Amino acid sequence: MSGSASNPDKAGPTLTEAVQEVRGAFPSDAAIQDAISRLSMAGFDRAEISLPDADPTPTHATPEQSAENPETEDDSRQSRTLHTSMAASVGALAAAGAVVATGGAALPAVAAAVVGAVGLGAAAEGVSKASDKMQHDLREEAAARGELLLSVHLRDPARQAVAEQAMREAGASRIEGVVRASGRAAGAI
């Protein structure tokens, strides 16, 4: 125990049944990436930014569902670097352990294993790049239909103009304030 007493009778923070957002439609994946960068620079947390479905089913049209986390090219590059480095590191550590355990007798076999680990890292990077390309293509298709949306949760309604400006500068159209409540879009704000 931490020594602090908890008071079950004390009221917690007020929970609201509505979520205020600013939503914009974007002409391309590149414009979405630019908007995410601009919103981050304007002080919005990545957790406040999402890619909502253009037309979710009524049971999925809630603030917790029907939206994806935005992933930028930088995010993908960092993930690929992490996976490639990790695969190579695991291979190198396993090789070093085998060399030490055999007193150096396994050095040729270990060298081959290290080459294999580097190849595994390269394969992981290739799979990641293919996945990124597929995501890019899906976003471009949504943009062509006018359904590539980006949404920003407004913790403070006074920040709506800041979010709208960042989206507009990134090329968004149909920028609107939205209130989502009880599993449905309640309308423009």
N, C-alpha and C. Protein backbone atom coordinates (compact mmCIF):
# COMPACT_ATOMS: atom_id res chain seq x y z
N MET A 1 0.84 -1.18 0.00
CA MET A 1 0.00 0.00 0.00
C MET A 1 0.88 1.23 0.00
N SER A 2 0.38 2.28 -0.60
CA SER A 2 1.15 3.50 -0.71
C SER A 2 1.01 4.39 0.51
N GLY A 3 0.11 4.06 1.40
CA GLY A 3 -0.07 4.86 2.60
C GLY A 3 -1.12 5.94 2.44
N SER A 4 -1.61 6.16 1.21
CA SER A 4 -2.63 7.17 1.02
C SER A 4 -4.00 6.52 1.11
N ALA A 5 -4.91 7.21 1.71
CA ALA A 5 -6.27 6.69 1.87
C ALA A 5 -7.10 7.10 0.66
N SER A 6 -7.92 6.18 0.20
CA SER A 6 -8.80 6.51 -0.90
C SER A 6 -10.18 6.78 -0.34
N ASN A 7 -10.86 7.71 -0.95
CA ASN A 7 -12.17 8.11 -0.47
C ASN A 7 -13.21 7.73 -1.53
N PRO A 8 -13.93 6.63 -1.33
CA PRO A 8 -14.90 6.20 -2.34
C PRO A 8 -16.09 7.14 -2.48
N ASP A 9 -16.31 8.02 -1.51
CA ASP A 9 -17.43 8.95 -1.58
C ASP A 9 -17.10 10.21 -2.35
N LYS A 10 -15.83 10.43 -2.66
CA LYS A 10 -15.41 11.63 -3.37
C LYS A 10 -15.79 11.51 -4.84
N ALA A 11 -16.38 12.56 -5.38
CA ALA A 11 -16.79 12.56 -6.78
C ALA A 11 -15.58 12.62 -7.69
N GLY A 12 -15.63 11.88 -8.77
CA GLY A 12 -14.56 11.89 -9.76
C GLY A 12 -14.83 12.94 -10.81
N PRO A 13 -14.04 12.93 -11.89
CA PRO A 13 -14.25 13.91 -12.94
C PRO A 13 -15.59 13.68 -13.62
N THR A 14 -16.15 14.74 -14.14
CA THR A 14 -17.42 14.66 -14.83
C THR A 14 -17.23 13.97 -16.17
N LEU A 15 -18.04 12.98 -16.46
CA LEU A 15 -17.99 12.31 -17.74
C LEU A 15 -19.08 12.89 -18.63
N THR A 16 -18.71 13.18 -19.88
CA THR A 16 -19.71 13.71 -20.80
C THR A 16 -20.16 12.61 -21.74
N GLU A 17 -21.36 12.76 -22.23
CA GLU A 17 -21.89 11.77 -23.16
C GLU A 17 -21.64 12.19 -24.60
N ALA A 18 -21.06 13.36 -24.80
CA ALA A 18 -20.80 13.86 -26.15
C ALA A 18 -19.32 14.16 -26.31
N VAL A 19 -18.85 13.98 -27.53
CA VAL A 19 -17.47 14.28 -27.86
C VAL A 19 -17.50 15.30 -28.99
N GLN A 20 -16.82 16.43 -28.79
CA GLN A 20 -16.73 17.44 -29.84
C GLN A 20 -15.49 17.20 -30.67
N GLU A 21 -15.66 17.28 -31.98
CA GLU A 21 -14.56 17.06 -32.91
C GLU A 21 -14.63 18.07 -34.04
N VAL A 22 -13.49 18.23 -34.70
CA VAL A 22 -13.44 18.92 -35.98
C VAL A 22 -13.07 17.85 -36.98
N ARG A 23 -13.81 17.79 -38.08
CA ARG A 23 -13.59 16.75 -39.08
C ARG A 23 -13.43 17.42 -40.44
N GLY A 24 -12.47 16.92 -41.21
CA GLY A 24 -12.26 17.44 -42.55
C GLY A 24 -12.04 16.31 -43.54
N ALA A 25 -12.42 16.54 -44.79
CA ALA A 25 -12.19 15.59 -45.87
C ALA A 25 -10.93 16.03 -46.60
N PHE A 26 -10.08 15.06 -46.97
CA PHE A 26 -8.79 15.38 -47.57
C PHE A 26 -8.67 14.78 -48.97
N PRO A 27 -7.93 15.48 -49.85
CA PRO A 27 -7.81 15.04 -51.24
C PRO A 27 -6.78 13.93 -51.47
N SER A 28 -5.93 13.65 -50.47
CA SER A 28 -4.88 12.65 -50.68
C SER A 28 -4.28 12.21 -49.35
N ASP A 29 -3.55 11.10 -49.41
CA ASP A 29 -2.82 10.61 -48.24
C ASP A 29 -1.76 11.63 -47.81
N ALA A 30 -1.10 12.26 -48.78
CA ALA A 30 -0.07 13.26 -48.46
C ALA A 30 -0.68 14.43 -47.69
N ALA A 31 -1.90 14.84 -48.06
CA ALA A 31 -2.56 15.94 -47.36
C ALA A 31 -2.90 15.54 -45.92
N ILE A 32 -3.31 14.29 -45.72
CA ILE A 32 -3.59 13.78 -44.36
C ILE A 32 -2.31 13.84 -43.53
N GLN A 33 -1.21 13.39 -44.11
CA GLN A 33 0.07 13.38 -43.39
C GLN A 33 0.47 14.80 -43.01
N ASP A 34 0.25 15.74 -43.94
CA ASP A 34 0.56 17.14 -43.66
C ASP A 34 -0.33 17.67 -42.53
N ALA A 35 -1.59 17.32 -42.55
CA ALA A 35 -2.52 17.77 -41.51
C ALA A 35 -2.12 17.23 -40.14
N ILE A 36 -1.74 15.96 -40.08
CA ILE A 36 -1.32 15.37 -38.81
C ILE A 36 -0.12 16.12 -38.27
N SER A 37 0.82 16.44 -39.13
CA SER A 37 2.00 17.19 -38.72
C SER A 37 1.62 18.58 -38.21
N ARG A 38 0.76 19.26 -38.96
CA ARG A 38 0.34 20.62 -38.57
C ARG A 38 -0.43 20.60 -37.24
N LEU A 39 -1.30 19.62 -37.07
CA LEU A 39 -2.06 19.52 -35.82
C LEU A 39 -1.14 19.23 -34.64
N SER A 40 -0.16 18.37 -34.85
CA SER A 40 0.81 18.08 -33.78
C SER A 40 1.59 19.33 -33.42
N MET A 41 2.00 20.09 -34.44
CA MET A 41 2.76 21.33 -34.19
C MET A 41 1.88 22.38 -33.49
N ALA A 42 0.56 22.31 -33.70
CA ALA A 42 -0.36 23.24 -33.07
C ALA A 42 -0.71 22.83 -31.64
N GLY A 43 -0.15 21.70 -31.19
CA GLY A 43 -0.35 21.31 -29.80
C GLY A 43 -1.37 20.22 -29.57
N PHE A 44 -1.90 19.63 -30.63
CA PHE A 44 -2.84 18.53 -30.45
C PHE A 44 -2.06 17.24 -30.26
N ASP A 45 -2.50 16.44 -29.31
CA ASP A 45 -1.87 15.15 -29.02
C ASP A 45 -2.28 14.15 -30.09
N ARG A 46 -1.39 13.23 -30.41
CA ARG A 46 -1.71 12.21 -31.41
C ARG A 46 -2.93 11.39 -30.99
N ALA A 47 -3.16 11.25 -29.70
CA ALA A 47 -4.32 10.50 -29.22
C ALA A 47 -5.63 11.22 -29.53
N GLU A 48 -5.57 12.50 -29.86
CA GLU A 48 -6.77 13.26 -30.19
C GLU A 48 -7.09 13.23 -31.68
N ILE A 49 -6.24 12.62 -32.47
CA ILE A 49 -6.39 12.60 -33.93
C ILE A 49 -6.76 11.19 -34.37
N SER A 50 -7.76 11.09 -35.25
CA SER A 50 -8.15 9.78 -35.76
C SER A 50 -8.62 9.88 -37.20
N LEU A 51 -8.72 8.72 -37.83
CA LEU A 51 -9.23 8.60 -39.20
C LEU A 51 -10.56 7.87 -39.13
N PRO A 52 -11.66 8.61 -39.01
CA PRO A 52 -12.96 7.95 -38.86
C PRO A 52 -13.46 7.35 -40.17
N ASP A 53 -14.31 6.33 -40.04
CA ASP A 53 -15.00 5.78 -41.21
C ASP A 53 -15.93 6.85 -41.75
N ALA A 54 -16.06 6.91 -43.06
CA ALA A 54 -16.95 7.91 -43.66
C ALA A 54 -18.41 7.62 -43.35
N ASP A 55 -18.77 6.34 -43.30
CA ASP A 55 -20.16 5.98 -43.08
C ASP A 55 -20.24 4.73 -42.21
N PRO A 56 -19.96 4.86 -40.91
CA PRO A 56 -19.99 3.67 -40.04
C PRO A 56 -21.40 3.18 -39.80
N THR A 57 -21.51 1.91 -39.47
CA THR A 57 -22.82 1.38 -39.11
C THR A 57 -23.24 2.03 -37.79
N PRO A 58 -24.53 2.12 -37.52
CA PRO A 58 -24.98 2.78 -36.28
C PRO A 58 -24.36 2.22 -35.00
N THR A 59 -24.10 0.91 -34.96
CA THR A 59 -23.53 0.34 -33.74
C THR A 59 -22.04 0.66 -33.59
N HIS A 60 -21.38 1.10 -34.67
CA HIS A 60 -19.96 1.43 -34.61
C HIS A 60 -19.69 2.93 -34.68
N ALA A 61 -20.72 3.75 -34.73
CA ALA A 61 -20.54 5.19 -34.83
C ALA A 61 -20.40 5.83 -33.46
N THR A 62 -19.47 5.35 -32.68
CA THR A 62 -19.22 5.89 -31.35
C THR A 62 -17.82 6.46 -31.29
N PRO A 63 -17.52 7.31 -30.32
CA PRO A 63 -16.17 7.86 -30.21
C PRO A 63 -15.09 6.80 -30.04
N GLU A 64 -15.44 5.64 -29.47
CA GLU A 64 -14.44 4.60 -29.23
C GLU A 64 -14.25 3.68 -30.42
N GLN A 65 -15.19 3.67 -31.36
CA GLN A 65 -15.13 2.74 -32.49
C GLN A 65 -15.18 3.52 -33.79
N SER A 66 -15.08 2.82 -34.87
CA SER A 66 -15.21 3.33 -36.23
C SER A 66 -14.13 4.33 -36.62
N ALA A 67 -12.99 4.31 -35.95
CA ALA A 67 -11.91 5.21 -36.32
C ALA A 67 -10.58 4.49 -36.15
N GLU A 68 -9.65 4.81 -37.03
CA GLU A 68 -8.31 4.24 -36.95
C GLU A 68 -7.36 5.28 -36.39
N ASN A 69 -6.28 4.80 -35.78
CA ASN A 69 -5.23 5.71 -35.37
C ASN A 69 -4.48 6.15 -36.62
N PRO A 70 -4.15 7.41 -36.71
CA PRO A 70 -3.40 7.86 -37.88
C PRO A 70 -1.96 7.39 -37.82
N GLU A 71 -1.46 6.90 -38.92
CA GLU A 71 -0.06 6.49 -38.98
C GLU A 71 0.60 7.23 -40.13
N THR A 72 1.69 7.90 -39.85
CA THR A 72 2.39 8.67 -40.86
C THR A 72 3.57 7.89 -41.42
N GLU A 73 4.17 8.41 -42.46
CA GLU A 73 5.35 7.77 -43.04
C GLU A 73 6.48 7.69 -42.00
N ASP A 74 6.61 8.71 -41.17
CA ASP A 74 7.65 8.68 -40.11
C ASP A 74 7.41 7.53 -39.14
N ASP A 75 6.14 7.31 -38.76
CA ASP A 75 5.81 6.20 -37.87
C ASP A 75 6.22 4.87 -38.50
N SER A 76 5.92 4.70 -39.77
CA SER A 76 6.25 3.45 -40.46
C SER A 76 7.76 3.26 -40.55
N ARG A 77 8.47 4.32 -40.86
CA ARG A 77 9.93 4.24 -40.97
C ARG A 77 10.55 3.86 -39.62
N GLN A 78 10.07 4.46 -38.56
CA GLN A 78 10.60 4.14 -37.23
C GLN A 78 10.29 2.69 -36.85
N SER A 79 9.11 2.22 -37.21
CA SER A 79 8.75 0.83 -36.92
C SER A 79 9.65 -0.13 -37.70
N ARG A 80 9.89 0.16 -38.97
CA ARG A 80 10.77 -0.70 -39.77
C ARG A 80 12.17 -0.72 -39.18
N THR A 81 12.68 0.44 -38.78
CA THR A 81 14.02 0.51 -38.19
C THR A 81 14.09 -0.32 -36.92
N LEU A 82 13.06 -0.19 -36.09
CA LEU A 82 13.02 -0.96 -34.84
C LEU A 82 13.04 -2.46 -35.11
N HIS A 83 12.18 -2.92 -36.03
CA HIS A 83 12.10 -4.35 -36.31
C HIS A 83 13.38 -4.89 -36.94
N THR A 84 13.95 -4.14 -37.87
CA THR A 84 15.18 -4.58 -38.51
C THR A 84 16.32 -4.64 -37.51
N SER A 85 16.45 -3.60 -36.70
CA SER A 85 17.51 -3.55 -35.69
C SER A 85 17.35 -4.67 -34.67
N MET A 86 16.11 -4.92 -34.26
CA MET A 86 15.87 -5.96 -33.27
C MET A 86 16.23 -7.33 -33.81
N ALA A 87 15.84 -7.61 -35.05
CA ALA A 87 16.16 -8.91 -35.64
C ALA A 87 17.67 -9.10 -35.75
N ALA A 88 18.37 -8.06 -36.19
CA ALA A 88 19.82 -8.15 -36.31
C ALA A 88 20.48 -8.30 -34.94
N SER A 89 19.97 -7.59 -33.95
CA SER A 89 20.54 -7.68 -32.60
C SER A 89 20.35 -9.07 -32.00
N VAL A 90 19.16 -9.62 -32.15
CA VAL A 90 18.90 -10.97 -31.63
C VAL A 90 19.83 -11.97 -32.29
N GLY A 91 20.00 -11.85 -33.60
CA GLY A 91 20.90 -12.74 -34.32
C GLY A 91 22.33 -12.62 -33.84
N ALA A 92 22.79 -11.39 -33.64
CA ALA A 92 24.16 -11.16 -33.18
C ALA A 92 24.38 -11.70 -31.77
N LEU A 93 23.41 -11.47 -30.89
CA LEU A 93 23.54 -11.97 -29.51
C LEU A 93 23.53 -13.50 -29.47
N ALA A 94 22.68 -14.11 -30.27
CA ALA A 94 22.64 -15.57 -30.33
C ALA A 94 23.96 -16.11 -30.86
N ALA A 95 24.50 -15.44 -31.86
CA ALA A 95 25.77 -15.87 -32.45
C ALA A 95 26.90 -15.74 -31.43
N ALA A 96 26.93 -14.64 -30.71
CA ALA A 96 27.98 -14.44 -29.71
C ALA A 96 27.88 -15.51 -28.61
N GLY A 97 26.66 -15.82 -28.21
CA GLY A 97 26.47 -16.85 -27.19
C GLY A 97 26.95 -18.21 -27.67
N ALA A 98 26.66 -18.53 -28.93
CA ALA A 98 27.10 -19.83 -29.47
C ALA A 98 28.61 -19.91 -29.57
N VAL A 99 29.25 -18.82 -29.97
CA VAL A 99 30.72 -18.81 -30.08
C VAL A 99 31.34 -19.00 -28.71
N VAL A 100 30.82 -18.28 -27.72
CA VAL A 100 31.36 -18.40 -26.36
C VAL A 100 31.12 -19.81 -25.82
N ALA A 101 29.93 -20.36 -26.04
CA ALA A 101 29.59 -21.68 -25.51
C ALA A 101 30.44 -22.79 -26.12
N THR A 102 30.85 -22.63 -27.36
CA THR A 102 31.64 -23.68 -28.01
C THR A 102 33.13 -23.38 -28.00
N GLY A 103 33.51 -22.32 -27.36
CA GLY A 103 34.93 -21.96 -27.31
C GLY A 103 35.47 -21.54 -28.67
N GLY A 104 34.61 -21.06 -29.55
CA GLY A 104 35.04 -20.57 -30.85
C GLY A 104 34.89 -21.59 -31.96
N ALA A 105 34.56 -22.84 -31.63
CA ALA A 105 34.46 -23.88 -32.65
C ALA A 105 33.28 -23.64 -33.59
N ALA A 106 32.26 -22.96 -33.13
CA ALA A 106 31.07 -22.75 -33.95
C ALA A 106 31.12 -21.45 -34.74
N LEU A 107 32.27 -20.82 -34.81
CA LEU A 107 32.38 -19.51 -35.46
C LEU A 107 31.87 -19.52 -36.90
N PRO A 108 32.22 -20.46 -37.77
CA PRO A 108 31.71 -20.43 -39.15
C PRO A 108 30.18 -20.57 -39.22
N ALA A 109 29.63 -21.44 -38.41
CA ALA A 109 28.17 -21.63 -38.42
C ALA A 109 27.47 -20.39 -37.88
N VAL A 110 28.08 -19.77 -36.90
CA VAL A 110 27.50 -18.57 -36.31
C VAL A 110 27.53 -17.43 -37.31
N ALA A 111 28.60 -17.31 -38.08
CA ALA A 111 28.69 -16.26 -39.09
C ALA A 111 27.55 -16.42 -40.09
N ALA A 112 27.25 -17.64 -40.47
CA ALA A 112 26.14 -17.89 -41.38
C ALA A 112 24.80 -17.51 -40.74
N ALA A 113 24.66 -17.77 -39.46
CA ALA A 113 23.43 -17.41 -38.75
C ALA A 113 23.25 -15.90 -38.69
N VAL A 114 24.35 -15.17 -38.51
CA VAL A 114 24.27 -13.71 -38.48
C VAL A 114 23.80 -13.19 -39.83
N VAL A 115 24.34 -13.75 -40.90
CA VAL A 115 23.92 -13.35 -42.24
C VAL A 115 22.42 -13.63 -42.39
N GLY A 116 21.96 -14.76 -41.88
CA GLY A 116 20.54 -15.10 -41.94
C GLY A 116 19.69 -14.12 -41.15
N ALA A 117 20.18 -13.69 -39.99
CA ALA A 117 19.43 -12.73 -39.18
C ALA A 117 19.30 -11.39 -39.90
N VAL A 118 20.36 -10.97 -40.56
CA VAL A 118 20.31 -9.72 -41.32
C VAL A 118 19.29 -9.88 -42.46
N GLY A 119 19.29 -11.05 -43.09
CA GLY A 119 18.30 -11.31 -44.14
C GLY A 119 16.89 -11.28 -43.61
N LEU A 120 16.68 -11.81 -42.40
CA LEU A 120 15.37 -11.78 -41.77
C LEU A 120 14.93 -10.33 -41.51
N GLY A 121 15.86 -9.52 -41.06
CA GLY A 121 15.54 -8.11 -40.84
C GLY A 121 15.15 -7.43 -42.13
N ALA A 122 15.85 -7.72 -43.22
CA ALA A 122 15.52 -7.14 -44.52
C ALA A 122 14.15 -7.62 -44.99
N ALA A 123 13.83 -8.88 -44.75
CA ALA A 123 12.52 -9.41 -45.13
C ALA A 123 11.41 -8.71 -44.34
N ALA A 124 11.66 -8.48 -43.05
CA ALA A 124 10.66 -7.78 -42.22
C ALA A 124 10.43 -6.37 -42.75
N GLU A 125 11.50 -5.72 -43.18
CA GLU A 125 11.36 -4.37 -43.73
C GLU A 125 10.54 -4.41 -45.02
N GLY A 126 10.79 -5.42 -45.85
CA GLY A 126 10.03 -5.55 -47.10
C GLY A 126 8.55 -5.75 -46.86
N VAL A 127 8.20 -6.58 -45.89
CA VAL A 127 6.79 -6.80 -45.55
C VAL A 127 6.17 -5.52 -45.04
N SER A 128 6.89 -4.78 -44.21
CA SER A 128 6.39 -3.52 -43.67
C SER A 128 6.14 -2.50 -44.78
N LYS A 129 7.07 -2.42 -45.73
CA LYS A 129 6.90 -1.48 -46.84
C LYS A 129 5.69 -1.85 -47.69
N ALA A 130 5.47 -3.14 -47.91
CA ALA A 130 4.31 -3.59 -48.68
C ALA A 130 3.02 -3.21 -47.96
N SER A 131 3.00 -3.36 -46.65
CA SER A 131 1.83 -2.99 -45.85
C SER A 131 1.58 -1.48 -45.93
N ASP A 132 2.66 -0.69 -45.87
CA ASP A 132 2.53 0.76 -45.98
C ASP A 132 1.96 1.15 -47.33
N LYS A 133 2.40 0.48 -48.38
CA LYS A 133 1.91 0.78 -49.74
C LYS A 133 0.42 0.46 -49.82
N MET A 134 0.02 -0.66 -49.23
CA MET A 134 -1.39 -1.04 -49.26
C MET A 134 -2.24 0.01 -48.52
N GLN A 135 -1.75 0.46 -47.36
CA GLN A 135 -2.47 1.48 -46.59
C GLN A 135 -2.56 2.78 -47.40
N HIS A 136 -1.47 3.16 -48.05
CA HIS A 136 -1.46 4.37 -48.88
C HIS A 136 -2.49 4.24 -50.01
N ASP A 137 -2.52 3.09 -50.68
CA ASP A 137 -3.46 2.89 -51.77
C ASP A 137 -4.90 2.95 -51.29
N LEU A 138 -5.18 2.37 -50.13
CA LEU A 138 -6.55 2.43 -49.57
C LEU A 138 -6.95 3.87 -49.26
N ARG A 139 -6.02 4.64 -48.72
CA ARG A 139 -6.32 6.04 -48.42
C ARG A 139 -6.55 6.84 -49.70
N GLU A 140 -5.76 6.57 -50.74
CA GLU A 140 -5.95 7.28 -52.01
C GLU A 140 -7.31 6.94 -52.63
N GLU A 141 -7.73 5.68 -52.52
CA GLU A 141 -9.05 5.28 -53.02
C GLU A 141 -10.15 6.01 -52.25
N ALA A 142 -10.00 6.10 -50.93
CA ALA A 142 -10.99 6.82 -50.12
C ALA A 142 -11.02 8.30 -50.50
N ALA A 143 -9.85 8.87 -50.77
CA ALA A 143 -9.78 10.28 -51.18
C ALA A 143 -10.51 10.49 -52.50
N ALA A 144 -10.34 9.57 -53.44
CA ALA A 144 -11.01 9.68 -54.74
C ALA A 144 -12.53 9.65 -54.59
N ARG A 145 -13.03 8.95 -53.58
CA ARG A 145 -14.48 8.90 -53.31
C ARG A 145 -14.94 10.06 -52.43
N GLY A 146 -13.99 10.89 -51.97
CA GLY A 146 -14.34 11.99 -51.07
C GLY A 146 -14.56 11.53 -49.65
N GLU A 147 -13.99 10.36 -49.28
CA GLU A 147 -14.24 9.77 -47.97
C GLU A 147 -12.99 9.64 -47.11
N LEU A 148 -11.92 10.36 -47.45
CA LEU A 148 -10.71 10.32 -46.62
C LEU A 148 -10.84 11.41 -45.57
N LEU A 149 -11.21 10.98 -44.37
CA LEU A 149 -11.53 11.92 -43.28
C LEU A 149 -10.48 11.89 -42.19
N LEU A 150 -10.28 13.04 -41.58
CA LEU A 150 -9.43 13.17 -40.40
C LEU A 150 -10.25 13.91 -39.35
N SER A 151 -10.19 13.42 -38.14
CA SER A 151 -10.98 14.00 -37.06
C SER A 151 -10.07 14.34 -35.89
N VAL A 152 -10.35 15.48 -35.24
CA VAL A 152 -9.58 15.91 -34.08
C VAL A 152 -10.54 16.13 -32.92
N HIS A 153 -10.27 15.43 -31.83
CA HIS A 153 -11.07 15.57 -30.61
C HIS A 153 -10.72 16.91 -29.97
N LEU A 154 -11.75 17.68 -29.65
CA LEU A 154 -11.55 18.98 -29.01
C LEU A 154 -11.77 18.85 -27.51
N ARG A 155 -10.69 18.80 -26.76
CA ARG A 155 -10.83 18.80 -25.30
C ARG A 155 -11.28 20.17 -24.82
N ASP A 156 -10.90 21.19 -25.58
CA ASP A 156 -11.27 22.56 -25.28
C ASP A 156 -11.93 23.14 -26.54
N PRO A 157 -13.23 23.44 -26.49
CA PRO A 157 -13.93 23.95 -27.68
C PRO A 157 -13.30 25.22 -28.26
N ALA A 158 -12.56 25.96 -27.44
CA ALA A 158 -11.90 27.17 -27.92
C ALA A 158 -10.80 26.86 -28.94
N ARG A 159 -10.36 25.60 -29.02
CA ARG A 159 -9.30 25.20 -29.95
C ARG A 159 -9.84 24.81 -31.33
N GLN A 160 -11.16 24.92 -31.52
CA GLN A 160 -11.75 24.53 -32.79
C GLN A 160 -11.16 25.32 -33.96
N ALA A 161 -11.01 26.63 -33.81
CA ALA A 161 -10.47 27.46 -34.90
C ALA A 161 -9.04 27.06 -35.25
N VAL A 162 -8.25 26.68 -34.24
CA VAL A 162 -6.87 26.25 -34.47
C VAL A 162 -6.85 24.96 -35.30
N ALA A 163 -7.70 24.01 -34.93
CA ALA A 163 -7.78 22.75 -35.66
C ALA A 163 -8.26 22.97 -37.09
N GLU A 164 -9.28 23.81 -37.26
CA GLU A 164 -9.80 24.09 -38.60
C GLU A 164 -8.73 24.74 -39.48
N GLN A 165 -7.95 25.67 -38.92
CA GLN A 165 -6.91 26.34 -39.69
C GLN A 165 -5.83 25.34 -40.13
N ALA A 166 -5.40 24.48 -39.22
CA ALA A 166 -4.37 23.48 -39.56
C ALA A 166 -4.87 22.57 -40.68
N MET A 167 -6.13 22.16 -40.59
CA MET A 167 -6.69 21.30 -41.63
C MET A 167 -6.81 22.03 -42.97
N ARG A 168 -7.28 23.26 -42.91
CA ARG A 168 -7.44 24.06 -44.13
C ARG A 168 -6.09 24.25 -44.82
N GLU A 169 -5.04 24.57 -44.04
CA GLU A 169 -3.70 24.78 -44.60
C GLU A 169 -3.14 23.50 -45.22
N ALA A 170 -3.61 22.35 -44.76
CA ALA A 170 -3.15 21.07 -45.31
C ALA A 170 -3.98 20.62 -46.52
N GLY A 171 -5.01 21.39 -46.86
CA GLY A 171 -5.79 21.09 -48.06
C GLY A 171 -7.14 20.44 -47.82
N ALA A 172 -7.63 20.48 -46.58
CA ALA A 172 -8.92 19.85 -46.29
C ALA A 172 -10.07 20.64 -46.89
N SER A 173 -11.11 19.92 -47.21
CA SER A 173 -12.37 20.54 -47.63
C SER A 173 -13.44 20.03 -46.68
N ARG A 174 -14.62 20.58 -46.78
CA ARG A 174 -15.73 20.17 -45.91
C ARG A 174 -15.32 20.06 -44.45
N ILE A 175 -14.72 21.09 -43.94
CA ILE A 175 -14.33 21.10 -42.53
C ILE A 175 -15.56 21.48 -41.72
N GLU A 176 -15.83 20.66 -40.70
CA GLU A 176 -17.00 20.92 -39.87
C GLU A 176 -16.77 20.48 -38.44
N GLY A 177 -17.45 21.15 -37.55
CA GLY A 177 -17.47 20.71 -36.16
C GLY A 177 -18.53 19.64 -36.02
N VAL A 178 -18.23 18.60 -35.27
CA VAL A 178 -19.15 17.48 -35.11
C VAL A 178 -19.25 17.14 -33.63
N VAL A 179 -20.44 16.84 -33.19
CA VAL A 179 -20.66 16.32 -31.84
C VAL A 179 -21.13 14.89 -31.99
N ARG A 180 -20.37 13.96 -31.39
CA ARG A 180 -20.78 12.56 -31.44
C ARG A 180 -21.27 12.17 -30.05
N ALA A 181 -22.46 11.60 -30.04
CA ALA A 181 -23.06 11.22 -28.76
C ALA A 181 -23.92 9.99 -28.92
N SER A 182 -23.95 9.15 -27.91
CA SER A 182 -24.84 7.99 -27.86
C SER A 182 -24.81 7.15 -29.12
N GLY A 183 -23.63 6.97 -29.71
CA GLY A 183 -23.50 6.09 -30.85
C GLY A 183 -23.98 6.69 -32.15
N ARG A 184 -24.17 8.02 -32.25
CA ARG A 184 -24.59 8.63 -33.51
C ARG A 184 -23.99 10.03 -33.59
N ALA A 185 -23.84 10.53 -34.80
CA ALA A 185 -23.37 11.90 -34.98
C ALA A 185 -24.56 12.80 -34.67
N ALA A 186 -24.38 13.71 -33.72
CA ALA A 186 -25.49 14.55 -33.29
C ALA A 186 -25.63 15.80 -34.16
N GLY A 187 -24.64 16.08 -34.98
CA GLY A 187 -24.76 17.21 -35.89
C GLY A 187 -23.63 18.19 -35.78
N ALA A 188 -23.71 19.21 -36.59
CA ALA A 188 -22.65 20.23 -36.63
C ALA A 188 -22.73 21.13 -35.41
N ILE A 189 -21.55 21.63 -35.01
CA ILE A 189 -21.50 22.58 -33.89
C ILE A 189 -21.11 23.94 -34.40
